[in-house]
C-alpha atoms as a PDB file:
ATOM      1  CA  UNK A   1      94.885   0.071 -21.477  1.00  0.00           C
ATOM      2  CA  UNK A   2      94.924   0.805 -25.123  1.00  0.00           C
ATOM      3  CA  UNK A   3      93.543  -1.378 -28.047  1.00  0.00           C
ATOM      4  CA  UNK A   4      95.991  -3.653 -29.532  1.00  0.00           C
ATOM      5  CA  UNK A   5      94.836  -2.505 -33.318  1.00  0.00           C
ATOM      6  CA  UNK A   6      95.358   1.348 -32.558  1.00  0.00           C
ATOM      7  CA  UNK A   7      98.607   1.587 -35.192  1.00  0.00           C
ATOM      8  CA  UNK A   8      96.182   0.492 -38.264  1.00  0.00           C
ATOM      9  CA  UNK A   9      93.815   2.947 -40.168  1.00  0.00           C
ATOM     10  CA  UNK A  10      90.162   2.337 -38.817  1.00  0.00           C
ATOM     11  CA  UNK A  11      87.563   3.009 -41.661  1.00  0.00           C
ATOM     12  CA  UNK A  12      84.152   3.647 -40.925  1.00  0.00           C
ATOM     13  CA  UNK A  13      80.782   2.742 -42.651  1.00  0.00           C
ATOM     14  CA  UNK A  14      77.807   4.498 -41.557  1.00  0.00           C
ATOM     15  CA  UNK A  15      74.134   3.300 -43.062  1.00  0.00           C
ATOM     16  CA  UNK A  16      71.107   5.074 -43.470  1.00  0.00           C
ATOM     17  CA  UNK A  17      70.183   5.229 -39.938  1.00  0.00           C
ATOM     18  CA  UNK A  18      73.386   6.774 -38.568  1.00  0.00           C
ATOM     19  CA  UNK A  19      74.561   3.100 -37.256  1.00  0.00           C
ATOM     20  CA  UNK A  20      78.835   3.191 -37.813  1.00  0.00           C
ATOM     21  CA  UNK A  21      80.718  -0.035 -38.673  1.00  0.00           C
ATOM     22  CA  UNK A  22      84.297   0.314 -38.091  1.00  0.00           C
ATOM     23  CA  UNK A  23      86.472  -2.163 -40.164  1.00  0.00           C
ATOM     24  CA  UNK A  24      90.159  -2.204 -41.203  1.00  0.00           C
ATOM     25  CA  UNK A  25      91.554  -3.077 -45.114  1.00  0.00           C
ATOM     26  CA  UNK A  26      95.136  -3.861 -45.434  1.00  0.00           C
ATOM     27  CA  UNK A  27      96.099  -3.540 -49.087  1.00  0.00           C
ATOM     28  CA  UNK A  28      99.446  -4.915 -50.289  1.00  0.00           C
ATOM     29  CA  UNK A  29      98.647  -4.809 -54.062  1.00  0.00           C
ATOM     30  CA  UNK A  30      97.531  -8.154 -54.255  1.00  0.00           C
ATOM     31  CA  UNK A  31      94.285  -9.461 -56.349  1.00  0.00           C
ATOM     32  CA  UNK A  32      93.579 -12.003 -53.571  1.00  0.00           C
ATOM     33  CA  UNK A  33      91.736 -11.578 -50.785  1.00  0.00           C
ATOM     34  CA  UNK A  34      91.349 -12.864 -46.474  1.00  0.00           C
ATOM     35  CA  UNK A  35      88.301 -11.625 -45.024  1.00  0.00           C
ATOM     36  CA  UNK A  36      88.475 -12.147 -41.267  1.00  0.00           C
ATOM     37  CA  UNK A  37      85.666 -11.934 -38.860  1.00  0.00           C
ATOM     38  CA  UNK A  38      86.289 -11.309 -35.392  1.00  0.00           C
ATOM     39  CA  UNK A  39      84.675 -13.453 -32.736  1.00  0.00           C
ATOM     40  CA  UNK A  40      83.366 -12.428 -29.198  1.00  0.00           C
ATOM     41  CA  UNK A  41      85.670 -10.173 -27.271  1.00  0.00           C
ATOM     42  CA  UNK A  42      85.873 -13.069 -24.456  1.00  0.00           C
ATOM     43  CA  UNK A  43      84.609 -13.329 -20.766  1.00  0.00           C
ATOM     44  CA  UNK A  44      86.988 -10.651 -19.482  1.00  0.00           C
ATOM     45  CA  UNK A  45      85.892  -8.376 -22.074  1.00  0.00           C
ATOM     46  CA  UNK A  46      81.975  -8.814 -20.893  1.00  0.00           C
ATOM     47  CA  UNK A  47      83.497  -6.993 -17.602  1.00  0.00           C
ATOM     48  CA  UNK A  48      82.334  -3.280 -17.865  1.00  0.00           C
ATOM     49  CA  UNK A  49      85.774  -2.036 -17.217  1.00  0.00           C
ATOM     50  CA  UNK A  50      86.956  -3.319 -20.854  1.00  0.00           C
ATOM     51  CA  UNK A  51      83.975  -2.800 -23.106  1.00  0.00           C
ATOM     52  CA  UNK A  52      84.463   0.910 -24.136  1.00  0.00           C
ATOM     53  CA  UNK A  53      88.277  -0.084 -24.983  1.00  0.00           C
ATOM     54  CA  UNK A  54      87.766  -3.469 -26.247  1.00  0.00           C
ATOM     55  CA  UNK A  55      84.652  -2.839 -28.078  1.00  0.00           C
ATOM     56  CA  UNK A  56      85.266  -3.477 -31.779  1.00  0.00           C
ATOM     57  CA  UNK A  57      88.254  -5.413 -31.020  1.00  0.00           C
ATOM     58  CA  UNK A  58      89.852  -6.799 -34.816  1.00  0.00           C
ATOM     59  CA  UNK A  59      90.612 -10.258 -33.926  1.00  0.00           C
ATOM     60  CA  UNK A  60      94.335 -11.224 -35.177  1.00  0.00           C
ATOM     61  CA  UNK A  61      94.715  -8.382 -36.883  1.00  0.00           C
ATOM     62  CA  UNK A  62      98.436  -8.068 -36.385  1.00  0.00           C
ATOM     63  CA  UNK A  63      99.482 -11.782 -37.338  1.00  0.00           C
ATOM     64  CA  UNK A  64      97.494 -11.789 -40.368  1.00  0.00           C
ATOM     65  CA  UNK A  65      98.141  -8.522 -41.984  1.00  0.00           C
ATOM     66  CA  UNK A  66     101.685  -9.125 -41.942  1.00  0.00           C
ATOM     67  CA  UNK A  67     101.305 -11.468 -44.658  1.00  0.00           C
ATOM     68  CA  UNK A  68     101.746  -9.518 -47.759  1.00  0.00           C
ATOM     69  CA  UNK A  69     100.876 -12.261 -50.282  1.00  0.00           C
ATOM     70  CA  UNK A  70      96.892 -11.207 -49.534  1.00  0.00           C
ATOM     71  CA  UNK A  71      95.052  -8.160 -49.041  1.00  0.00           C
ATOM     72  CA  UNK A  72      93.285  -8.223 -46.059  1.00  0.00           C
ATOM     73  CA  UNK A  73      89.816  -6.944 -44.562  1.00  0.00           C
ATOM     74  CA  UNK A  74      88.907  -7.055 -40.663  1.00  0.00           C
ATOM     75  CA  UNK A  75      85.856  -6.637 -39.879  1.00  0.00           C
ATOM     76  CA  UNK A  76      83.663  -6.819 -36.065  1.00  0.00           C
ATOM     77  CA  UNK A  77      80.370  -6.684 -34.835  1.00  0.00           C
ATOM     78  CA  UNK A  78      79.803  -4.211 -32.145  1.00  0.00           C
ATOM     79  CA  UNK A  79      76.355  -4.295 -31.751  1.00  0.00           C
ATOM     80  CA  UNK A  80      73.912  -6.837 -29.469  1.00  0.00           C
ATOM     81  CA  UNK A  81      74.292  -7.843 -26.027  1.00  0.00           C
ATOM     82  CA  UNK A  82      76.923  -5.741 -24.783  1.00  0.00           C
ATOM     83  CA  UNK A  83      77.877  -4.365 -27.690  1.00  0.00           C
ATOM     84  CA  UNK A  84      79.822  -7.717 -28.229  1.00  0.00           C
ATOM     85  CA  UNK A  85      78.275  -8.953 -31.132  1.00  0.00           C
ATOM     86  CA  UNK A  86      74.980 -10.154 -33.381  1.00  0.00           C
ATOM     87  CA  UNK A  87      76.318 -12.807 -35.367  1.00  0.00           C
ATOM     88  CA  UNK A  88      76.684 -10.155 -38.076  1.00  0.00           C
ATOM     89  CA  UNK A  89      73.158 -10.079 -38.259  1.00  0.00           C
ATOM     90  CA  UNK A  90      71.605  -7.477 -36.540  1.00  0.00           C
ATOM     91  CA  UNK A  91      67.752  -8.045 -35.899  1.00  0.00           C
ATOM     92  CA  UNK A  92      66.021 -11.227 -36.902  1.00  0.00           C
ATOM     93  CA  UNK A  93      63.424  -8.594 -38.620  1.00  0.00           C
ATOM     94  CA  UNK A  94      66.398  -6.150 -39.499  1.00  0.00           C
ATOM     95  CA  UNK A  95      69.572  -7.627 -40.748  1.00  0.00           C
ATOM     96  CA  UNK A  96      71.177  -4.111 -40.221  1.00  0.00           C
ATOM     97  CA  UNK A  97      74.935  -5.713 -39.436  1.00  0.00           C
ATOM     98  CA  UNK A  98      74.643  -8.134 -42.592  1.00  0.00           C
ATOM     99  CA  UNK A  99      73.666  -5.382 -44.593  1.00  0.00           C
ATOM    100  CA  UNK A 100      76.523  -3.405 -43.645  1.00  0.00           C
ATOM    101  CA  UNK A 101      79.189  -6.187 -43.974  1.00  0.00           C
ATOM    102  CA  UNK A 102      77.913  -6.342 -47.725  1.00  0.00           C
ATOM    103  CA  UNK A 103      78.194  -2.607 -47.974  1.00  0.00           C
ATOM    104  CA  UNK A 104      81.602  -2.588 -46.846  1.00  0.00           C
ATOM    105  CA  UNK A 105      82.482  -5.788 -49.431  1.00  0.00           C
ATOM    106  CA  UNK A 106      81.625  -3.443 -52.085  1.00  0.00           C
ATOM    107  CA  UNK A 107      83.640  -0.874 -50.939  1.00  0.00           C
ATOM    108  CA  UNK A 108      86.865  -2.626 -51.107  1.00  0.00           C
ATOM    109  CA  UNK A 109      85.949  -3.895 -54.297  1.00  0.00           C
ATOM    110  CA  UNK A 110      85.226  -7.359 -53.227  1.00  0.00           C
ATOM    111  CA  UNK A 111      83.431  -9.008 -56.683  1.00  0.00           C
ATOM    112  CA  UNK A 112      85.251  -6.636 -59.197  1.00  0.00           C
ATOM    113  CA  UNK A 113      88.943  -6.559 -58.092  1.00  0.00           C
ATOM    114  CA  UNK A 114      88.658  -9.542 -55.747  1.00  0.00           C
ATOM    115  CA  UNK A 115      86.910 -11.815 -57.403  1.00  0.00           C
ATOM    116  CA  UNK A 116      85.163 -14.733 -55.092  1.00  0.00           C
ATOM    117  CA  UNK A 117      86.972 -17.653 -56.631  1.00  0.00           C
ATOM    118  CA  UNK A 118      90.275 -15.667 -55.309  1.00  0.00           C
ATOM    119  CA  UNK A 119      88.971 -15.314 -51.820  1.00  0.00           C
ATOM    120  CA  UNK A 120      88.932 -16.636 -48.270  1.00  0.00           C
ATOM    121  CA  UNK A 121      86.632 -15.711 -45.299  1.00  0.00           C
ATOM    122  CA  UNK A 122      88.268 -16.796 -41.610  1.00  0.00           C
ATOM    123  CA  UNK A 123      86.902 -16.720 -38.349  1.00  0.00           C
ATOM    124  CA  UNK A 124      87.090 -17.990 -34.841  1.00  0.00           C
ATOM    125  CA  UNK A 125      83.315 -18.837 -33.006  1.00  0.00           C
ATOM    126  CA  UNK A 126      81.077 -15.953 -33.626  1.00  0.00           C
ATOM    127  CA  UNK A 127      83.615 -14.856 -36.597  1.00  0.00           C
ATOM    128  CA  UNK A 128      83.530 -18.509 -37.637  1.00  0.00           C
ATOM    129  CA  UNK A 129      79.639 -18.056 -38.081  1.00  0.00           C
ATOM    130  CA  UNK A 130      79.820 -15.195 -40.335  1.00  0.00           C
ATOM    131  CA  UNK A 131      83.009 -17.014 -42.334  1.00  0.00           C
ATOM    132  CA  UNK A 132      80.339 -19.757 -42.793  1.00  0.00           C
ATOM    133  CA  UNK A 133      77.590 -17.238 -43.516  1.00  0.00           C
ATOM    134  CA  UNK A 134      79.099 -15.065 -46.214  1.00  0.00           C
ATOM    135  CA  UNK A 135      81.187 -17.428 -47.603  1.00  0.00           C
ATOM    136  CA  UNK A 136      78.474 -19.840 -48.451  1.00  0.00           C
ATOM    137  CA  UNK A 137      76.454 -16.681 -50.085  1.00  0.00           C
ATOM    138  CA  UNK A 138      79.098 -15.240 -51.859  1.00  0.00           C
ATOM    139  CA  UNK A 139      80.380 -18.477 -52.887  1.00  0.00           C
ATOM    140  CA  UNK A 140      84.209 -18.113 -51.855  1.00  0.00           C
ATOM    141  CA  UNK A 141      87.169 -20.444 -53.016  1.00  0.00           C
ATOM    142  CA  UNK A 142      87.578 -21.467 -49.244  1.00  0.00           C
ATOM    143  CA  UNK A 143      86.461 -20.853 -45.765  1.00  0.00           C
ATOM    144  CA  UNK A 144      88.105 -21.431 -42.578  1.00  0.00           C
ATOM    145  CA  UNK A 145      86.288 -22.299 -39.617  1.00  0.00           C
ATOM    146  CA  UNK A 146      87.699 -22.299 -35.902  1.00  0.00           C
ATOM    147  CA  UNK A 147      85.497 -23.367 -33.621  1.00  0.00           C
ATOM    148  CA  UNK A 148      82.225 -22.349 -35.075  1.00  0.00           C
ATOM    149  CA  UNK A 149      78.692 -21.072 -33.855  1.00  0.00           C
ATOM    150  CA  UNK A 150      76.582 -22.837 -36.437  1.00  0.00           C
ATOM    151  CA  UNK A 151      73.122 -23.102 -34.638  1.00  0.00           C
ATOM    152  CA  UNK A 152      72.298 -20.348 -32.488  1.00  0.00           C
ATOM    153  CA  UNK A 153      69.750 -21.850 -30.731  1.00  0.00           C
ATOM    154  CA  UNK A 154      72.447 -24.586 -29.351  1.00  0.00           C
ATOM    155  CA  UNK A 155      74.989 -21.822 -28.893  1.00  0.00           C
ATOM    156  CA  UNK A 156      72.079 -19.746 -26.736  1.00  0.00           C
ATOM    157  CA  UNK A 157      71.503 -23.177 -24.828  1.00  0.00           C
ATOM    158  CA  UNK A 158      75.167 -24.870 -24.262  1.00  0.00           C
ATOM    159  CA  UNK A 159      77.437 -21.899 -25.038  1.00  0.00           C
ATOM    160  CA  UNK A 160      76.511 -19.328 -22.848  1.00  0.00           C
ATOM    161  CA  UNK A 161      75.107 -16.896 -25.392  1.00  0.00           C
ATOM    162  CA  UNK A 162      71.412 -16.738 -24.448  1.00  0.00           C
ATOM    163  CA  UNK A 163      71.406 -13.038 -24.265  1.00  0.00           C
ATOM    164  CA  UNK A 164      73.133 -12.265 -27.344  1.00  0.00           C
ATOM    165  CA  UNK A 165      70.855 -14.748 -29.276  1.00  0.00           C
ATOM    166  CA  UNK A 166      68.004 -13.301 -27.741  1.00  0.00           C
ATOM    167  CA  UNK A 167      69.097  -9.749 -28.563  1.00  0.00           C
ATOM    168  CA  UNK A 168      69.180 -11.057 -32.233  1.00  0.00           C
ATOM    169  CA  UNK A 169      65.736 -12.352 -32.137  1.00  0.00           C
ATOM    170  CA  UNK A 170      64.053  -9.313 -30.097  1.00  0.00           C
ATOM    171  CA  UNK A 171      64.022 -10.964 -26.861  1.00  0.00           C
ATOM    172  CA  UNK A 172      61.298 -14.290 -28.383  1.00  0.00           C
ATOM    173  CA  UNK A 173      62.574 -17.723 -27.351  1.00  0.00           C
ATOM    174  CA  UNK A 174      65.730 -18.849 -28.605  1.00  0.00           C
ATOM    175  CA  UNK A 175      64.712 -22.380 -28.560  1.00  0.00           C
ATOM    176  CA  UNK A 176      61.796 -22.111 -30.468  1.00  0.00           C
ATOM    177  CA  UNK A 177      61.506 -23.647 -34.338  1.00  0.00           C
ATOM    178  CA  UNK A 178      59.847 -20.518 -35.025  1.00  0.00           C
ATOM    179  CA  UNK A 179      63.115 -18.839 -35.009  1.00  0.00           C
ATOM    180  CA  UNK A 180      65.156 -21.672 -37.170  1.00  0.00           C
ATOM    181  CA  UNK A 181      65.261 -19.147 -40.219  1.00  0.00           C
ATOM    182  CA  UNK A 182      67.644 -16.996 -38.017  1.00  0.00           C
ATOM    183  CA  UNK A 183      68.939 -19.642 -35.683  1.00  0.00           C
ATOM    184  CA  UNK A 184      69.789 -21.911 -38.285  1.00  0.00           C
ATOM    185  CA  UNK A 185      70.219 -20.034 -41.214  1.00  0.00           C
ATOM    186  CA  UNK A 186      73.963 -21.583 -42.037  1.00  0.00           C
ATOM    187  CA  UNK A 187      72.220 -25.071 -42.015  1.00  0.00           C
ATOM    188  CA  UNK A 188      69.030 -23.525 -44.347  1.00  0.00           C
ATOM    189  CA  UNK A 189      71.728 -21.765 -46.936  1.00  0.00           C
ATOM    190  CA  UNK A 190      73.841 -25.182 -47.188  1.00  0.00           C
ATOM    191  CA  UNK A 191      70.761 -26.989 -47.625  1.00  0.00           C
ATOM    192  CA  UNK A 192      69.543 -24.906 -50.277  1.00  0.00           C
ATOM    193  CA  UNK A 193      72.659 -24.968 -52.233  1.00  0.00           C
ATOM    194  CA  UNK A 194      73.028 -28.899 -52.240  1.00  0.00           C
ATOM    195  CA  UNK A 195      69.394 -29.259 -53.494  1.00  0.00           C
ATOM    196  CA  UNK A 196      70.077 -26.743 -56.329  1.00  0.00           C
ATOM    197  CA  UNK A 197      73.442 -28.450 -56.733  1.00  0.00           C
ATOM    198  CA  UNK A 198      75.321 -24.736 -56.626  1.00  0.00           C
ATOM    199  CA  UNK A 199      78.566 -23.737 -55.686  1.00  0.00           C
ATOM    200  CA  UNK A 200      79.788 -24.839 -52.353  1.00  0.00           C
ATOM    201  CA  UNK A 201      83.468 -23.302 -50.986  1.00  0.00           C
ATOM    202  CA  UNK A 202      85.958 -25.812 -49.817  1.00  0.00           C
ATOM    203  CA  UNK A 203      86.223 -26.204 -46.087  1.00  0.00           C
ATOM    204  CA  UNK A 204      88.766 -26.112 -43.154  1.00  0.00           C
ATOM    205  CA  UNK A 205      87.324 -26.690 -39.831  1.00  0.00           C
ATOM    206  CA  UNK A 206      89.120 -26.873 -36.642  1.00  0.00           C
ATOM    207  CA  UNK A 207      87.024 -27.504 -33.407  1.00  0.00           C
ATOM    208  CA  UNK A 208      88.177 -29.401 -30.065  1.00  0.00           C
ATOM    209  CA  UNK A 209      85.974 -32.906 -28.740  1.00  0.00           C
ATOM    210  CA  UNK A 210      85.859 -31.171 -25.246  1.00  0.00           C
ATOM    211  CA  UNK A 211      84.017 -28.131 -26.702  1.00  0.00           C
ATOM    212  CA  UNK A 212      80.491 -28.942 -25.154  1.00  0.00           C
ATOM    213  CA  UNK A 213      77.621 -27.655 -27.434  1.00  0.00           C
ATOM    214  CA  UNK A 214      80.140 -27.067 -30.627  1.00  0.00           C
ATOM    215  CA  UNK A 215      81.880 -30.307 -31.679  1.00  0.00           C
ATOM    216  CA  UNK A 216      79.732 -32.903 -31.803  1.00  0.00           C
ATOM    217  CA  UNK A 217      76.302 -31.093 -31.235  1.00  0.00           C
ATOM    218  CA  UNK A 218      77.363 -28.189 -34.106  1.00  0.00           C
ATOM    219  CA  UNK A 219      80.293 -29.141 -36.115  1.00  0.00           C
ATOM    220  CA  UNK A 220      80.073 -32.755 -36.748  1.00  0.00           C
ATOM    221  CA  UNK A 221      76.586 -32.624 -37.865  1.00  0.00           C
ATOM    222  CA  UNK A 222      77.964 -29.826 -40.196  1.00  0.00           C
ATOM    223  CA  UNK A 223      81.009 -31.703 -42.126  1.00  0.00           C
ATOM    224  CA  UNK A 224      78.498 -34.985 -42.762  1.00  0.00           C
ATOM    225  CA  UNK A 225      76.049 -32.446 -44.813  1.00  0.00           C
ATOM    226  CA  UNK A 226      78.759 -30.565 -46.333  1.00  0.00           C
ATOM    227  CA  UNK A 227      80.628 -33.627 -47.486  1.00  0.00           C
ATOM    228  CA  UNK A 228      77.295 -34.659 -49.810  1.00  0.00           C
ATOM    229  CA  UNK A 229      78.736 -31.382 -52.191  1.00  0.00           C
ATOM    230  CA  UNK A 230      81.791 -32.299 -54.532  1.00  0.00           C
ATOM    231  CA  UNK A 231      83.610 -29.542 -52.433  1.00  0.00           C
ATOM    232  CA  UNK A 232      86.621 -30.588 -50.231  1.00  0.00           C
ATOM    233  CA  UNK A 233      86.287 -30.879 -46.215  1.00  0.00           C
ATOM    234  CA  UNK A 234      89.100 -31.099 -44.156  1.00  0.00           C
ATOM    235  CA  UNK A 235      88.515 -31.503 -40.766  1.00  0.00           C
ATOM    236  CA  UNK A 236      91.297 -30.624 -38.021  1.00  0.00           C
ATOM    237  CA  UNK A 237      89.754 -32.356 -34.955  1.00  0.00           C
ATOM    238  CA  UNK A 238      91.783 -32.104 -31.359  1.00  0.00           C
ATOM    239  CA  UNK A 239      91.234 -34.084 -28.517  1.00  0.00           C
ATOM    240  CA  UNK A 240      90.935 -31.644 -25.925  1.00  0.00           C
ATOM    241  CA  UNK A 241      91.170 -27.642 -25.671  1.00  0.00           C
ATOM    242  CA  UNK A 242      87.766 -26.594 -25.512  1.00  0.00           C
ATOM    243  CA  UNK A 243      86.349 -23.822 -27.326  1.00  0.00           C
ATOM    244  CA  UNK A 244      89.515 -22.235 -27.971  1.00  0.00           C
ATOM    245  CA  UNK A 245      91.481 -20.931 -31.232  1.00  0.00           C
ATOM    246  CA  UNK A 246      95.075 -21.737 -29.791  1.00  0.00           C
ATOM    247  CA  UNK A 247      95.689 -24.351 -32.143  1.00  0.00           C
ATOM    248  CA  UNK A 248      94.930 -21.992 -35.220  1.00  0.00           C
ATOM    249  CA  UNK A 249      98.051 -20.931 -35.376  1.00  0.00           C
ATOM    250  CA  UNK A 250      99.538 -17.836 -37.539  1.00  0.00           C
ATOM    251  CA  UNK A 251     101.301 -20.507 -39.384  1.00  0.00           C
ATOM    252  CA  UNK A 252      98.226 -23.158 -39.542  1.00  0.00           C
ATOM    253  CA  UNK A 253      95.700 -20.319 -40.550  1.00  0.00           C
ATOM    254  CA  UNK A 254      98.180 -18.824 -43.339  1.00  0.00           C
ATOM    255  CA  UNK A 255      98.804 -21.861 -44.854  1.00  0.00           C
ATOM    256  CA  UNK A 256      95.163 -23.214 -44.667  1.00  0.00           C
ATOM    257  CA  UNK A 257      94.217 -20.383 -46.796  1.00  0.00           C
ATOM    258  CA  UNK A 258      97.174 -20.387 -49.353  1.00  0.00           C
ATOM    259  CA  UNK A 259      96.315 -23.960 -49.766  1.00  0.00           C
ATOM    260  CA  UNK A 260      92.288 -23.644 -50.317  1.00  0.00           C
ATOM    261  CA  UNK A 261      93.074 -20.866 -52.363  1.00  0.00           C
ATOM    262  CA  UNK A 262      95.749 -22.881 -54.821  1.00  0.00           C
ATOM    263  CA  UNK A 263      93.605 -25.792 -54.656  1.00  0.00           C
ATOM    264  CA  UNK A 264      96.023 -27.690 -52.633  1.00  0.00           C
ATOM    265  CA  UNK A 265      95.519 -30.463 -49.827  1.00  0.00           C
ATOM    266  CA  UNK A 266      95.739 -29.277 -46.505  1.00  0.00           C
ATOM    267  CA  UNK A 267      98.065 -31.535 -44.433  1.00  0.00           C
ATOM    268  CA  UNK A 268      96.010 -31.995 -41.540  1.00  0.00           C
ATOM    269  CA  UNK A 269      98.249 -34.097 -39.690  1.00  0.00           C
ATOM    270  CA  UNK A 270     101.544 -31.958 -39.852  1.00  0.00           C
ATOM    271  CA  UNK A 271      99.004 -29.071 -38.445  1.00  0.00           C
ATOM    272  CA  UNK A 272      98.784 -31.357 -35.428  1.00  0.00           C
ATOM    273  CA  UNK A 273     102.249 -32.771 -34.784  1.00  0.00           C
ATOM    274  CA  UNK A 274     104.593 -30.627 -36.318  1.00  0.00           C
ATOM    275  CA  UNK A 275     106.465 -27.818 -34.460  1.00  0.00           C
ATOM    276  CA  UNK A 276     105.845 -25.372 -37.356  1.00  0.00           C
ATOM    277  CA  UNK A 277     102.399 -25.474 -36.536  1.00  0.00           C
ATOM    278  CA  UNK A 278     102.291 -25.514 -32.834  1.00  0.00           C
ATOM    279  CA  UNK A 279     101.292 -23.007 -30.471  1.00  0.00           C
ATOM    280  CA  UNK A 280     104.248 -21.164 -29.361  1.00  0.00           C
ATOM    281  CA  UNK A 281     106.833 -24.012 -31.379  1.00  0.00           C
ATOM    282  CA  UNK A 282     106.333 -26.122 -27.924  1.00  0.00           C
ATOM    283  CA  UNK A 283     105.677 -29.828 -27.157  1.00  0.00           C
ATOM    284  CA  UNK A 284     102.126 -30.442 -27.158  1.00  0.00           C
ATOM    285  CA  UNK A 285     102.181 -32.429 -23.796  1.00  0.00           C
ATOM    286  CA  UNK A 286     104.141 -29.528 -22.545  1.00  0.00           C
ATOM    287  CA  UNK A 287     102.050 -26.837 -24.026  1.00  0.00           C
ATOM    288  CA  UNK A 288      99.095 -28.011 -22.504  1.00  0.00           C
ATOM    289  CA  UNK A 289      99.828 -28.086 -19.397  1.00  0.00           C
ATOM    290  CA  UNK A 290     100.884 -24.659 -19.493  1.00  0.00           C
ATOM    291  CA  UNK A 291      97.586 -23.891 -20.980  1.00  0.00           C
ATOM    292  CA  UNK A 292      95.467 -25.719 -18.266  1.00  0.00           C
ATOM    293  CA  UNK A 293      97.571 -23.837 -15.715  1.00  0.00           C
ATOM    294  CA  UNK A 294      96.995 -20.221 -17.682  1.00  0.00           C
ATOM    295  CA  UNK A 295      93.124 -21.363 -17.718  1.00  0.00           C
ATOM    296  CA  UNK A 296      93.015 -21.545 -14.043  1.00  0.00           C
ATOM    297  CA  UNK A 297      95.145 -18.538 -13.336  1.00  0.00           C
ATOM    298  CA  UNK A 298      92.427 -16.708 -15.842  1.00  0.00           C
ATOM    299  CA  UNK A 299      89.901 -18.047 -13.839  1.00  0.00           C
ATOM    300  CA  UNK A 300      90.921 -16.616 -10.512  1.00  0.00           C
ATOM    301  CA  UNK A 301      91.734 -13.192 -12.287  1.00  0.00           C
ATOM    302  CA  UNK A 302      88.016 -13.169 -13.412  1.00  0.00           C
ATOM    303  CA  UNK A 303      86.705 -13.845  -9.765  1.00  0.00           C
ATOM    304  CA  UNK A 304      88.878 -10.850  -8.436  1.00  0.00           C
ATOM    305  CA  UNK A 305      87.840  -8.613 -11.138  1.00  0.00           C
ATOM    306  CA  UNK A 306      84.166  -9.349 -10.825  1.00  0.00           C
ATOM    307  CA  UNK A 307      84.378  -8.601  -6.653  1.00  0.00           C
END
């Protein structure tokens, strides 16, 4: 089984310790930039059979890079537990992944050719953690966060990411407030910017109400804090779907990105109801039935693989 992104040219940044960081830069000749951060590569990818092939997988590479109105940078985090991600941090006492991302951004001329106010950062789950963090730090024009992991202590406890967060913390107690500087980093940045009245990016965030441990526990509180700024917030909350990015279709992501970059209102109701933005263009009820049945089949396949 080949990794789906083999047709694209990978670049490699090597840090002072010899650690390699793969990325893909797609240059369409624009001065606007979309930066996409990959998520964890899923339960199926946690199985040893798939780790070598899909480690460093670039999520949404094909569906976004084909849009030629933006240049694109695709990033992944292949360190940490299972070589499956550190939330783009590295270690709490050595943020080597975070430093590498900053260097890669410099390499592709973010900050010079690509000004922050003409850039948007995108991600789902762990990738949304990075989009929020780097978007806030670099004061980009807009952030698109799909089912974001925000508070890493909560993700460890309620989202099955205990070993991933523990790895970042050098296997310390993931629930201790002593580590909030790392596990609550996004809230810390946001609070600092609110206090200093610094520029905060506009935000499009999408999550599902039945995503236990994320929607009500992390997303809703973050939105309430974000709204204290003068920035715009668009919240696409879905009734069901779990921890999914299936409602974040190509048409939704690209429309949101372009509207954020041009100060236009995001049509949240259309994202939910219009067939233009639906997954596969199917009626909602019919699609949800297919997805539920596919989920059951997936669980059976995983059980078979793990035997």
